[in-house]
């Protein structure tokens, strides 16, 4: 059985580490966007409450 791989281990490891960094960055961005959505949702609810208090909706 031949255990040689056409792509050297170092290159595979480098690509793996790069994909890990990209994944971590995307998880960070998703978290930041979710926080922004939460902030907008709260602001919308507060604004709707003010409009409701004044009989505008």
PDB file of N, CA and C in Angstrom:
ATOM      1  N   UNK A   1       0.850  -1.184   0.000  1.00  0.00           N
ATOM      2  CA  UNK A   1       0.000   0.000   0.000  1.00  0.00           C
ATOM      3  C   UNK A   1       0.891   1.241   0.000  1.00  0.00           C
ATOM      4  N   UNK A   2       0.585   2.168  -0.862  1.00  0.00           N
ATOM      5  CA  UNK A   2       1.388   3.373  -1.008  1.00  0.00           C
ATOM      6  C   UNK A   2       0.795   4.488  -0.147  1.00  0.00           C
ATOM      7  N   UNK A   3       1.586   5.030   0.782  1.00  0.00           N
ATOM      8  CA  UNK A   3       1.107   6.064   1.696  1.00  0.00           C
ATOM      9  C   UNK A   3       1.512   7.473   1.277  1.00  0.00           C
ATOM     10  N   UNK A   4       2.017   7.637   0.084  1.00  0.00           N
ATOM     11  CA  UNK A   4       2.384   8.986  -0.353  1.00  0.00           C
ATOM     12  C   UNK A   4       1.135   9.739  -0.770  1.00  0.00           C
ATOM     13  N   UNK A   5       1.110  10.991  -0.433  1.00  0.00           N
ATOM     14  CA  UNK A   5      -0.033  11.841  -0.756  1.00  0.00           C
ATOM     15  C   UNK A   5       0.431  12.871  -1.777  1.00  0.00           C
ATOM     16  N   UNK A   6      -0.386  13.163  -2.783  1.00  0.00           N
ATOM     17  CA  UNK A   6       0.050  14.100  -3.820  1.00  0.00           C
ATOM     18  C   UNK A   6       0.267  15.535  -3.311  1.00  0.00           C
ATOM     19  N   UNK A   7      -0.363  15.902  -2.200  1.00  0.00           N
ATOM     20  CA  UNK A   7      -0.188  17.238  -1.631  1.00  0.00           C
ATOM     21  C   UNK A   7       0.593  17.090  -0.326  1.00  0.00           C
ATOM     22  N   UNK A   8       1.686  17.810  -0.176  1.00  0.00           N
ATOM     23  CA  UNK A   8       2.485  17.693   1.046  1.00  0.00           C
ATOM     24  C   UNK A   8       1.681  18.059   2.296  1.00  0.00           C
ATOM     25  N   UNK A   9       2.021  17.397   3.378  1.00  0.00           N
ATOM     26  CA  UNK A   9       1.337  17.602   4.657  1.00  0.00           C
ATOM     27  C   UNK A   9       1.362  19.070   5.070  1.00  0.00           C
ATOM     28  N   UNK A  10       2.485  19.742   4.901  1.00  0.00           N
ATOM     29  CA  UNK A  10       2.607  21.139   5.315  1.00  0.00           C
ATOM     30  C   UNK A  10       1.601  22.032   4.597  1.00  0.00           C
ATOM     31  N   UNK A  11       1.391  21.758   3.326  1.00  0.00           N
ATOM     32  CA  UNK A  11       0.425  22.553   2.564  1.00  0.00           C
ATOM     33  C   UNK A  11      -0.993  22.259   3.042  1.00  0.00           C
ATOM     34  N   UNK A  12      -1.284  20.999   3.291  1.00  0.00           N
ATOM     35  CA  UNK A  12      -2.610  20.646   3.810  1.00  0.00           C
ATOM     36  C   UNK A  12      -2.850  21.300   5.163  1.00  0.00           C
ATOM     37  N   UNK A  13      -1.823  21.278   6.019  1.00  0.00           N
ATOM     38  CA  UNK A  13      -1.949  21.893   7.341  1.00  0.00           C
ATOM     39  C   UNK A  13      -2.160  23.397   7.214  1.00  0.00           C
ATOM     40  N   UNK A  14      -1.422  24.029   6.322  1.00  0.00           N
ATOM     41  CA  UNK A  14      -1.566  25.468   6.104  1.00  0.00           C
ATOM     42  C   UNK A  14      -2.979  25.806   5.629  1.00  0.00           C
ATOM     43  N   UNK A  15      -3.491  25.029   4.701  1.00  0.00           N
ATOM     44  CA  UNK A  15      -4.856  25.261   4.197  1.00  0.00           C
ATOM     45  C   UNK A  15      -5.889  25.034   5.300  1.00  0.00           C
ATOM     46  N   UNK A  16      -5.663  24.016   6.106  1.00  0.00           N
ATOM     47  CA  UNK A  16      -6.576  23.739   7.211  1.00  0.00           C
ATOM     48  C   UNK A  16      -6.589  24.903   8.202  1.00  0.00           C
ATOM     49  N   UNK A  17      -5.395  25.396   8.564  1.00  0.00           N
ATOM     50  CA  UNK A  17      -5.308  26.497   9.518  1.00  0.00           C
ATOM     51  C   UNK A  17      -5.964  27.758   8.943  1.00  0.00           C
ATOM     52  N   UNK A  18      -5.780  28.000   7.666  1.00  0.00           N
ATOM     53  CA  UNK A  18      -6.406  29.150   7.021  1.00  0.00           C
ATOM     54  C   UNK A  18      -7.927  29.023   7.056  1.00  0.00           C
ATOM     55  N   UNK A  19      -8.426  27.840   6.786  1.00  0.00           N
ATOM     56  CA  UNK A  19      -9.881  27.648   6.818  1.00  0.00           C
ATOM     57  C   UNK A  19     -10.415  27.797   8.240  1.00  0.00           C
ATOM     58  N   UNK A  20      -9.625  27.385   9.232  1.00  0.00           N
ATOM     59  CA  UNK A  20     -10.032  27.563  10.628  1.00  0.00           C
ATOM     60  C   UNK A  20     -10.130  29.053  10.963  1.00  0.00           C
ATOM     61  N   UNK A  21      -9.140  29.838  10.537  1.00  0.00           N
ATOM     62  CA  UNK A  21      -9.172  31.286  10.784  1.00  0.00           C
ATOM     63  C   UNK A  21     -10.376  31.920  10.095  1.00  0.00           C
ATOM     64  N   UNK A  22     -10.644  31.503   8.873  1.00  0.00           N
ATOM     65  CA  UNK A  22     -11.797  32.040   8.149  1.00  0.00           C
ATOM     66  C   UNK A  22     -13.098  31.673   8.852  1.00  0.00           C
ATOM     67  N   UNK A  23     -13.181  30.454   9.342  1.00  0.00           N
ATOM     68  CA  UNK A  23     -14.374  30.015  10.064  1.00  0.00           C
ATOM     69  C   UNK A  23     -14.566  30.832  11.335  1.00  0.00           C
ATOM     70  N   UNK A  24     -13.490  31.050  12.087  1.00  0.00           N
ATOM     71  CA  UNK A  24     -13.579  31.850  13.308  1.00  0.00           C
ATOM     72  C   UNK A  24     -14.015  33.276  12.992  1.00  0.00           C
ATOM     73  N   UNK A  25     -13.479  33.843  11.916  1.00  0.00           N
ATOM     74  CA  UNK A  25     -13.860  35.200  11.525  1.00  0.00           C
ATOM     75  C   UNK A  25     -15.342  35.256  11.157  1.00  0.00           C
ATOM     76  N   UNK A  26     -15.803  34.278  10.392  1.00  0.00           N
ATOM     77  CA  UNK A  26     -17.215  34.258  10.002  1.00  0.00           C
ATOM     78  C   UNK A  26     -18.123  34.074  11.212  1.00  0.00           C
ATOM     79  N   UNK A  27     -17.716  33.254  12.170  1.00  0.00           N
ATOM     80  CA  UNK A  27     -18.503  33.099  13.396  1.00  0.00           C
ATOM     81  C   UNK A  27     -18.566  34.415  14.164  1.00  0.00           C
ATOM     82  N   UNK A  28     -17.438  35.143  14.197  1.00  0.00           N
ATOM     83  CA  UNK A  28     -17.404  36.454  14.846  1.00  0.00           C
ATOM     84  C   UNK A  28     -18.357  37.422  14.145  1.00  0.00           C
ATOM     85  N   UNK A  29     -18.314  37.452  12.802  1.00  0.00           N
ATOM     86  CA  UNK A  29     -19.183  38.352  12.048  1.00  0.00           C
ATOM     87  C   UNK A  29     -20.656  38.001  12.247  1.00  0.00           C
ATOM     88  N   UNK A  30     -20.978  36.716  12.269  1.00  0.00           N
ATOM     89  CA  UNK A  30     -22.362  36.289  12.495  1.00  0.00           C
ATOM     90  C   UNK A  30     -22.828  36.749  13.866  1.00  0.00           C
ATOM     91  N   UNK A  31     -21.978  36.590  14.871  1.00  0.00           N
ATOM     92  CA  UNK A  31     -22.318  37.032  16.221  1.00  0.00           C
ATOM     93  C   UNK A  31     -22.546  38.542  16.258  1.00  0.00           C
ATOM     94  N   UNK A  32     -21.665  39.293  15.604  1.00  0.00           N
ATOM     95  CA  UNK A  32     -21.810  40.752  15.571  1.00  0.00           C
ATOM     96  C   UNK A  32     -23.108  41.150  14.874  1.00  0.00           C
ATOM     97  N   UNK A  33     -23.439  40.492  13.780  1.00  0.00           N
ATOM     98  CA  UNK A  33     -24.682  40.796  13.068  1.00  0.00           C
ATOM     99  C   UNK A  33     -25.903  40.434  13.905  1.00  0.00           C
ATOM    100  N   UNK A  34     -25.838  39.322  14.622  1.00  0.00           N
ATOM    101  CA  UNK A  34     -26.946  38.953  15.503  1.00  0.00           C
ATOM    102  C   UNK A  34     -27.134  39.996  16.599  1.00  0.00           C
ATOM    103  N   UNK A  35     -26.022  40.516  17.143  1.00  0.00           N
ATOM    104  CA  UNK A  35     -26.118  41.572  18.154  1.00  0.00           C
ATOM    105  C   UNK A  35     -26.740  42.830  17.567  1.00  0.00           C
ATOM    106  N   UNK A  36     -26.376  43.153  16.338  1.00  0.00           N
ATOM    107  CA  UNK A  36     -26.945  44.328  15.679  1.00  0.00           C
ATOM    108  C   UNK A  36     -28.440  44.135  15.428  1.00  0.00           C
ATOM    109  N   UNK A  37     -28.830  42.950  15.019  1.00  0.00           N
ATOM    110  CA  UNK A  37     -30.256  42.653  14.822  1.00  0.00           C
ATOM    111  C   UNK A  37     -31.010  42.820  16.132  1.00  0.00           C
ATOM    112  N   UNK A  38     -30.441  42.313  17.220  1.00  0.00           N
ATOM    113  CA  UNK A  38     -31.084  42.454  18.533  1.00  0.00           C
ATOM    114  C   UNK A  38     -31.259  43.924  18.903  1.00  0.00           C
ATOM    115  N   UNK A  39     -30.236  44.739  18.643  1.00  0.00           N
ATOM    116  CA  UNK A  39     -30.316  46.167  18.960  1.00  0.00           C
ATOM    117  C   UNK A  39     -31.401  46.846  18.123  1.00  0.00           C
ATOM    118  N   UNK A  40     -31.465  46.533  16.837  1.00  0.00           N
ATOM    119  CA  UNK A  40     -32.498  47.111  15.979  1.00  0.00           C
ATOM    120  C   UNK A  40     -33.892  46.664  16.418  1.00  0.00           C
ATOM    121  N   UNK A  41     -34.014  45.405  16.800  1.00  0.00           N
ATOM    122  CA  UNK A  41     -35.313  44.891  17.251  1.00  0.00           C
ATOM    123  C   UNK A  41     -35.776  45.633  18.502  1.00  0.00           C
ATOM    124  N   UNK A  42     -34.863  45.835  19.447  1.00  0.00           N
ATOM    125  CA  UNK A  42     -35.214  46.559  20.670  1.00  0.00           C
ATOM    126  C   UNK A  42     -35.607  47.993  20.337  1.00  0.00           C
ATOM    127  N   UNK A  43     -34.843  48.648  19.465  1.00  0.00           N
ATOM    128  CA  UNK A  43     -35.159  50.028  19.079  1.00  0.00           C
ATOM    129  C   UNK A  43     -36.528  50.096  18.402  1.00  0.00           C
ATOM    130  N   UNK A  44     -36.818  49.126  17.550  1.00  0.00           N
ATOM    131  CA  UNK A  44     -38.115  49.086  16.873  1.00  0.00           C
ATOM    132  C   UNK A  44     -39.241  48.933  17.893  1.00  0.00           C
ATOM    133  N   UNK A  45     -39.052  48.035  18.852  1.00  0.00           N
ATOM    134  CA  UNK A  45     -40.076  47.822  19.876  1.00  0.00           C
ATOM    135  C   UNK A  45     -40.264  49.077  20.725  1.00  0.00           C
ATOM    136  N   UNK A  46     -39.167  49.749  21.083  1.00  0.00           N
ATOM    137  CA  UNK A  46     -39.261  50.993  21.854  1.00  0.00           C
ATOM    138  C   UNK A  46     -40.003  52.066  21.058  1.00  0.00           C
ATOM    139  N   UNK A  47     -39.669  52.199  19.780  1.00  0.00           N
ATOM    140  CA  UNK A  47     -40.310  53.187  18.919  1.00  0.00           C
ATOM    141  C   UNK A  47     -41.799  52.880  18.773  1.00  0.00           C
ATOM    142  N   UNK A  48     -42.128  51.622  18.579  1.00  0.00           N
ATOM    143  CA  UNK A  48     -43.537  51.232  18.463  1.00  0.00           C
ATOM    144  C   UNK A  48     -44.277  51.539  19.760  1.00  0.00           C
ATOM    145  N   UNK A  49     -43.606  51.338  20.890  1.00  0.00           N
ATOM    146  CA  UNK A  49     -44.224  51.659  22.172  1.00  0.00           C
ATOM    147  C   UNK A  49     -44.524  53.144  22.303  1.00  0.00           C
ATOM    148  N   UNK A  50     -43.596  53.982  21.874  1.00  0.00           N
ATOM    149  CA  UNK A  50     -43.803  55.433  21.926  1.00  0.00           C
ATOM    150  C   UNK A  50     -44.962  55.832  21.017  1.00  0.00           C
ATOM    151  N   UNK A  51     -44.985  55.308  19.800  1.00  0.00           N
ATOM    152  CA  UNK A  51     -46.084  55.618  18.881  1.00  0.00           C
ATOM    153  C   UNK A  51     -47.422  55.167  19.450  1.00  0.00           C
ATOM    154  N   UNK A  52     -47.428  54.015  20.081  1.00  0.00           N
ATOM    155  CA  UNK A  52     -48.656  53.487  20.664  1.00  0.00           C
ATOM    156  C   UNK A  52     -49.123  54.362  21.826  1.00  0.00           C
ATOM    157  N   UNK A  53     -48.184  54.813  22.641  1.00  0.00           N
ATOM    158  CA  UNK A  53     -48.532  55.674  23.781  1.00  0.00           C
ATOM    159  C   UNK A  53     -49.205  56.963  23.319  1.00  0.00           C
ATOM    160  N   UNK A  54     -48.818  57.446  22.165  1.00  0.00           N
ATOM    161  CA  UNK A  54     -49.370  58.696  21.644  1.00  0.00           C
ATOM    162  C   UNK A  54     -50.531  58.459  20.677  1.00  0.00           C
ATOM    163  N   UNK A  55     -50.983  57.220  20.610  1.00  0.00           N
ATOM    164  CA  UNK A  55     -52.130  56.893  19.776  1.00  0.00           C
ATOM    165  C   UNK A  55     -51.866  56.999  18.283  1.00  0.00           C
ATOM    166  N   UNK A  56     -50.623  56.866  17.897  1.00  0.00           N
ATOM    167  CA  UNK A  56     -50.293  56.996  16.478  1.00  0.00           C
ATOM    168  C   UNK A  56     -50.336  55.667  15.740  1.00  0.00           C
ATOM    169  N   UNK A  57     -50.411  54.586  16.482  1.00  0.00           N
ATOM    170  CA  UNK A  57     -50.592  53.280  15.845  1.00  0.00           C
ATOM    171  C   UNK A  57     -51.582  52.470  16.643  1.00  0.00           C
TER     172      UNK A  57
END
